[in-house]
Structure formats: structure tokens, C-alpha cells
Amino acid sequence: MIRTEISLFLKNAPGELGKLTELLAGDNINIDAITIQDASAYVQNLFEARGKSLKRLASSASYASMRRDSAQFALIRFIVDKVQKTIELLKANDYLFDSKEVITLEITNKPGEFTKITKKLGEQQININYVYGSVSDSDGKCLFVFSPEDIKLAEELFKDGY
């Protein structure tokens, strides 16, 4: 199913994630899935991608400075149950964020289930930009978030399940 993922940069310091999650919980917003990474890896990926397709926009000294500074921030991507309410709350509290469509699938937690999905996407030549998920006990379901290059085709592939 297509859902909205929210991405934001958060200061990489003790207590900052707690403030964000407390803000969401205070408005009864549930986080269904989340991933957090050091923003410097994100900046490095941007520069590598730009180097392949665009003229270099910054000198190597500038890049090194950006990468060092970006380590002070974390890139957070998450899925919530109340998207519009979350967006309004983030705006009201001056968070810098973006949103995009992603595919979410509930997967049975057993060997080979993830393989079925990734093979199906691969057979249709749909590249996966990134993926993250939740875990459960062996009898439960996991929620996985996929960012495919072709969101509409991926949605069509999984409209009846995987």
C-alpha cells in the first residue's frame, strides 16, 4: 500500500529524538516504522550521485566541511498513522521536513518472505532506493517500507499482496 513517509533532519544530540517522539505521542500519533542514520552518509550519497550525473557543485574542501557538519545531524525517516496531523505539528514546531510516497507491506516473519518481494520488484526492473522495517516475533507480521523508483508500478504489483 502507498503511504506517506516523513523525512527530517534532527540535531544528533542526546534527548532530541525524545523531544520529537514526545511531541508526536502528545498528539496521540503512533510511529509505525522508523529509521535513523547519521546525515553525513546521506550527504556523501548525494555527492556521489551528483558526481555521476551533474557537474560538481562544490569543491572537495567544501564537501569535507559539509560532511563534517552533517554528522551533527541525523536523517530520520518514519511512517505514522496520522500523516496530516503530524505535518501540521512539525510545521507548528519549526521542524525542517519533507514527505514522499513509499510502499509499505506487512510481511510474515519467516525465511524467504522478504525474498518474494525483492525478487518480484527485480523481475519488473524496479530499483529499490532504500528499505527499512520493523520486527516481530515469529508468529507476527513485520511492516517493511520500500522506496522504489517506480511507485505506481510497485503499488500495482502488490495490490493483491505479495
C-alpha atoms as a PDB file:
ATOM      1  CA  MET A   1       0.000   0.000   0.000  1.00  0.00           C
ATOM      2  CA  ILE A   2       1.193   3.515  -0.712  1.00  0.00           C
ATOM      3  CA  ARG A   3       1.805   5.575   2.408  1.00  0.00           C
ATOM      4  CA  THR A   4       3.477   8.867   3.162  1.00  0.00           C
ATOM      5  CA  GLU A   5       6.952   8.832   4.634  1.00  0.00           C
ATOM      6  CA  ILE A   6       8.181  11.877   6.527  1.00  0.00           C
ATOM      7  CA  SER A   7      11.900  12.685   6.456  1.00  0.00           C
ATOM      8  CA  LEU A   8      13.576  15.241   8.652  1.00  0.00           C
ATOM      9  CA  PHE A   9      16.954  16.304   9.912  1.00  0.00           C
ATOM     10  CA  LEU A  10      17.296  16.293  13.664  1.00  0.00           C
ATOM     11  CA  LYS A  11      20.213  17.510  15.739  1.00  0.00           C
ATOM     12  CA  ASN A  12      22.336  14.484  16.628  1.00  0.00           C
ATOM     13  CA  ALA A  13      22.373  15.115  20.383  1.00  0.00           C
ATOM     14  CA  PRO A  14      21.044  13.338  23.463  1.00  0.00           C
ATOM     15  CA  GLY A  15      17.349  13.996  24.068  1.00  0.00           C
ATOM     16  CA  GLU A  16      16.454  15.356  20.612  1.00  0.00           C
ATOM     17  CA  LEU A  17      14.758  12.158  19.433  1.00  0.00           C
ATOM     18  CA  GLY A  18      12.942  12.003  22.766  1.00  0.00           C
ATOM     19  CA  LYS A  19      11.578  15.525  22.203  1.00  0.00           C
ATOM     20  CA  LEU A  20      10.325  14.591  18.735  1.00  0.00           C
ATOM     21  CA  THR A  21       8.673  11.363  19.848  1.00  0.00           C
ATOM     22  CA  GLU A  22       7.158  13.061  22.908  1.00  0.00           C
ATOM     23  CA  LEU A  23       5.666  15.708  20.609  1.00  0.00           C
ATOM     24  CA  LEU A  24       4.086  13.013  18.441  1.00  0.00           C
ATOM     25  CA  ALA A  25       2.871  10.950  21.393  1.00  0.00           C
ATOM     26  CA  GLY A  26       1.347  14.064  22.962  1.00  0.00           C
ATOM     27  CA  ASP A  27      -0.976  14.304  19.948  1.00  0.00           C
ATOM     28  CA  ASN A  28      -1.679  10.549  20.017  1.00  0.00           C
ATOM     29  CA  ILE A  29       0.357   9.914  16.843  1.00  0.00           C
ATOM     30  CA  ASN A  30       1.799   6.422  16.505  1.00  0.00           C
ATOM     31  CA  ILE A  31       5.079   5.715  14.707  1.00  0.00           C
ATOM     32  CA  ASP A  32       4.578   2.566  12.618  1.00  0.00           C
ATOM     33  CA  ALA A  33       8.158   2.360  11.285  1.00  0.00           C
ATOM     34  CA  ILE A  34      11.299   4.447  11.677  1.00  0.00           C
ATOM     35  CA  THR A  35      14.894   4.540  10.517  1.00  0.00           C
ATOM     36  CA  ILE A  36      17.631   6.866  11.686  1.00  0.00           C
ATOM     37  CA  GLN A  37      21.043   7.418  10.140  1.00  0.00           C
ATOM     38  CA  ASP A  38      23.901   9.831  10.526  1.00  0.00           C
ATOM     39  CA  ALA A  39      23.214  12.583   7.990  1.00  0.00           C
ATOM     40  CA  SER A  40      26.827  12.533   6.759  1.00  0.00           C
ATOM     41  CA  ALA A  41      26.140   9.244   4.958  1.00  0.00           C
ATOM     42  CA  TYR A  42      23.184  10.920   3.251  1.00  0.00           C
ATOM     43  CA  VAL A  43      25.341  13.889   2.203  1.00  0.00           C
ATOM     44  CA  GLN A  44      28.013  11.518   0.872  1.00  0.00           C
ATOM     45  CA  ASN A  45      25.404   9.665  -1.199  1.00  0.00           C
ATOM     46  CA  LEU A  46      24.145  12.960  -2.631  1.00  0.00           C
ATOM     47  CA  PHE A  47      27.621  13.982  -3.711  1.00  0.00           C
ATOM     48  CA  GLU A  48      28.338  10.553  -5.215  1.00  0.00           C
ATOM     49  CA  ALA A  49      25.083  10.671  -7.183  1.00  0.00           C
ATOM     50  CA  ARG A  50      25.753  14.219  -8.374  1.00  0.00           C
ATOM     51  CA  GLY A  51      29.265  13.275  -9.436  1.00  0.00           C
ATOM     52  CA  LYS A  52      27.821  10.678 -11.800  1.00  0.00           C
ATOM     53  CA  SER A  53      25.156  12.829 -13.394  1.00  0.00           C
ATOM     54  CA  LEU A  54      25.810  16.517 -12.772  1.00  0.00           C
ATOM     55  CA  LYS A  55      28.735  18.880 -12.669  1.00  0.00           C
ATOM     56  CA  ARG A  56      30.324  19.029  -9.285  1.00  0.00           C
ATOM     57  CA  LEU A  57      28.661  21.781  -7.284  1.00  0.00           C
ATOM     58  CA  ALA A  58      31.209  22.204  -4.536  1.00  0.00           C
ATOM     59  CA  SER A  59      34.931  21.889  -4.065  1.00  0.00           C
ATOM     60  CA  SER A  60      36.341  18.934  -2.179  1.00  0.00           C
ATOM     61  CA  ALA A  61      37.121  21.246   0.764  1.00  0.00           C
ATOM     62  CA  SER A  62      33.522  22.396   0.800  1.00  0.00           C
ATOM     63  CA  TYR A  63      32.304  18.792   0.597  1.00  0.00           C
ATOM     64  CA  ALA A  64      34.537  17.755   3.508  1.00  0.00           C
ATOM     65  CA  SER A  65      33.173  20.625   5.568  1.00  0.00           C
ATOM     66  CA  MET A  66      29.569  19.720   4.714  1.00  0.00           C
ATOM     67  CA  ARG A  67      30.166  16.080   5.596  1.00  0.00           C
ATOM     68  CA  ARG A  68      31.760  17.005   8.943  1.00  0.00           C
ATOM     69  CA  ASP A  69      28.931  19.433   9.770  1.00  0.00           C
ATOM     70  CA  SER A  70      26.248  16.960   8.690  1.00  0.00           C
ATOM     71  CA  ALA A  71      27.473  14.413  11.254  1.00  0.00           C
ATOM     72  CA  GLN A  72      25.914  16.744  13.820  1.00  0.00           C
ATOM     73  CA  PHE A  73      22.510  15.814  12.407  1.00  0.00           C
ATOM     74  CA  ALA A  74      20.566  12.620  11.904  1.00  0.00           C
ATOM     75  CA  LEU A  75      18.337  11.837   8.953  1.00  0.00           C
ATOM     76  CA  ILE A  76      15.106  10.354  10.261  1.00  0.00           C
ATOM     77  CA  ARG A  77      12.528   8.684   8.044  1.00  0.00           C
ATOM     78  CA  PHE A  78       9.279   7.475   9.543  1.00  0.00           C
ATOM     79  CA  ILE A  79       5.734   6.319   8.853  1.00  0.00           C
ATOM     80  CA  VAL A  80       2.930   7.469  11.150  1.00  0.00           C
ATOM     81  CA  ASP A  81      -0.750   6.662  11.490  1.00  0.00           C
ATOM     82  CA  LYS A  82      -1.882  10.316  11.246  1.00  0.00           C
ATOM     83  CA  VAL A  83       0.095  11.991   8.459  1.00  0.00           C
ATOM     84  CA  GLN A  84      -1.729  15.317   8.158  1.00  0.00           C
ATOM     85  CA  LYS A  85      -1.757  15.836  11.913  1.00  0.00           C
ATOM     86  CA  THR A  86       1.987  15.058  12.014  1.00  0.00           C
ATOM     87  CA  ILE A  87       2.745  17.527   9.216  1.00  0.00           C
ATOM     88  CA  GLU A  88       0.799  20.277  10.981  1.00  0.00           C
ATOM     89  CA  LEU A  89       2.567  19.519  14.264  1.00  0.00           C
ATOM     90  CA  LEU A  90       6.031  19.553  12.661  1.00  0.00           C
ATOM     91  CA  LYS A  91       5.290  22.863  10.913  1.00  0.00           C
ATOM     92  CA  ALA A  92       3.998  24.422  14.122  1.00  0.00           C
ATOM     93  CA  ASN A  93       7.201  23.383  15.910  1.00  0.00           C
ATOM     94  CA  ASP A  94       9.595  24.612  13.199  1.00  0.00           C
ATOM     95  CA  TYR A  95      10.932  21.228  12.088  1.00  0.00           C
ATOM     96  CA  LEU A  96      12.511  21.114   8.639  1.00  0.00           C
ATOM     97  CA  PHE A  97      10.970  18.092   6.919  1.00  0.00           C
ATOM     98  CA  ASP A  98       9.820  16.607   3.643  1.00  0.00           C
ATOM     99  CA  SER A  99       7.367  13.890   2.693  1.00  0.00           C
ATOM    100  CA  LYS A 100       7.130  11.385  -0.132  1.00  0.00           C
ATOM    101  CA  GLU A 101       5.190   8.329  -1.164  1.00  0.00           C
ATOM    102  CA  VAL A 102       6.586   4.890  -0.335  1.00  0.00           C
ATOM    103  CA  ILE A 103       5.250   1.346  -0.437  1.00  0.00           C
ATOM    104  CA  THR A 104       4.567  -0.424   2.869  1.00  0.00           C
ATOM    105  CA  LEU A 105       3.945  -4.142   3.107  1.00  0.00           C
ATOM    106  CA  GLU A 106       3.125  -6.361   6.048  1.00  0.00           C
ATOM    107  CA  ILE A 107       5.362  -9.383   5.825  1.00  0.00           C
ATOM    108  CA  THR A 108       5.149 -12.630   7.752  1.00  0.00           C
ATOM    109  CA  ASN A 109       8.279 -13.052   9.837  1.00  0.00           C
ATOM    110  CA  LYS A 110       9.701 -16.229   8.315  1.00  0.00           C
ATOM    111  CA  PRO A 111      12.584 -17.094   5.963  1.00  0.00           C
ATOM    112  CA  GLY A 112      12.007 -16.292   2.302  1.00  0.00           C
ATOM    113  CA  GLU A 113       9.163 -13.792   2.668  1.00  0.00           C
ATOM    114  CA  PHE A 114      11.383 -10.751   2.067  1.00  0.00           C
ATOM    115  CA  THR A 115      12.908 -12.596  -0.900  1.00  0.00           C
ATOM    116  CA  LYS A 116       9.493 -12.913  -2.580  1.00  0.00           C
ATOM    117  CA  ILE A 117       9.080  -9.136  -2.541  1.00  0.00           C
ATOM    118  CA  THR A 118      12.563  -8.183  -3.640  1.00  0.00           C
ATOM    119  CA  LYS A 119      12.551 -10.746  -6.455  1.00  0.00           C
ATOM    120  CA  LYS A 120       9.174  -9.515  -7.689  1.00  0.00           C
ATOM    121  CA  LEU A 121      10.482  -5.934  -7.832  1.00  0.00           C
ATOM    122  CA  GLY A 122      13.673  -7.082  -9.535  1.00  0.00           C
ATOM    123  CA  GLU A 123      11.821  -9.091 -12.163  1.00  0.00           C
ATOM    124  CA  GLN A 124       9.948  -5.917 -13.117  1.00  0.00           C
ATOM    125  CA  GLN A 125      13.228  -3.954 -13.224  1.00  0.00           C
ATOM    126  CA  ILE A 126      12.128  -1.733 -10.312  1.00  0.00           C
ATOM    127  CA  ASN A 127      15.112  -0.453  -8.373  1.00  0.00           C
ATOM    128  CA  ILE A 128      14.800  -0.163  -4.591  1.00  0.00           C
ATOM    129  CA  ASN A 129      16.360   3.090  -3.368  1.00  0.00           C
ATOM    130  CA  TYR A 130      16.183   2.052   0.281  1.00  0.00           C
ATOM    131  CA  VAL A 131      14.180  -0.170   2.601  1.00  0.00           C
ATOM    132  CA  TYR A 132      13.642  -0.434   6.335  1.00  0.00           C
ATOM    133  CA  GLY A 133      11.329  -2.409   8.529  1.00  0.00           C
ATOM    134  CA  SER A 134      10.084  -3.487  11.886  1.00  0.00           C
ATOM    135  CA  VAL A 135      10.420  -6.846  13.555  1.00  0.00           C
ATOM    136  CA  SER A 136       8.049  -9.092  15.413  1.00  0.00           C
ATOM    137  CA  ASP A 137       8.007 -12.494  16.993  1.00  0.00           C
ATOM    138  CA  SER A 138       7.989 -15.457  14.611  1.00  0.00           C
ATOM    139  CA  ASP A 139       4.166 -15.599  14.553  1.00  0.00           C
ATOM    140  CA  GLY A 140       3.614 -11.910  13.885  1.00  0.00           C
ATOM    141  CA  LYS A 141       3.781  -9.543  10.953  1.00  0.00           C
ATOM    142  CA  CYS A 142       6.550  -7.067  10.182  1.00  0.00           C
ATOM    143  CA  LEU A 143       5.995  -3.736   8.451  1.00  0.00           C
ATOM    144  CA  PHE A 144       8.539  -3.008   5.732  1.00  0.00           C
ATOM    145  CA  VAL A 145       8.909   0.312   3.934  1.00  0.00           C
ATOM    146  CA  PHE A 146      10.217   0.327   0.358  1.00  0.00           C
ATOM    147  CA  SER A 147      11.240   3.364  -1.650  1.00  0.00           C
ATOM    148  CA  PRO A 148      11.076   2.076  -5.232  1.00  0.00           C
ATOM    149  CA  GLU A 149      11.921   4.205  -8.245  1.00  0.00           C
ATOM    150  CA  ASP A 150       8.518   3.470  -9.834  1.00  0.00           C
ATOM    151  CA  ILE A 151       5.970   3.860  -7.031  1.00  0.00           C
ATOM    152  CA  LYS A 152       2.892   3.289  -9.221  1.00  0.00           C
ATOM    153  CA  LEU A 153       4.189   0.061 -10.778  1.00  0.00           C
ATOM    154  CA  ALA A 154       5.251  -1.221  -7.360  1.00  0.00           C
ATOM    155  CA  GLU A 155       1.790  -0.452  -5.980  1.00  0.00           C
ATOM    156  CA  GLU A 156       0.207  -2.364  -8.861  1.00  0.00           C
ATOM    157  CA  LEU A 157       2.486  -5.362  -8.252  1.00  0.00           C
ATOM    158  CA  PHE A 158       1.405  -5.682  -4.628  1.00  0.00           C
ATOM    159  CA  LYS A 159      -2.252  -4.612  -4.787  1.00  0.00           C
ATOM    160  CA  ASP A 160      -3.346  -8.189  -4.011  1.00  0.00           C
ATOM    161  CA  GLY A 161      -0.485  -8.951  -1.624  1.00  0.00           C
ATOM    162  CA  TYR A 162       2.991 -10.227  -2.324  1.00  0.00           C
END
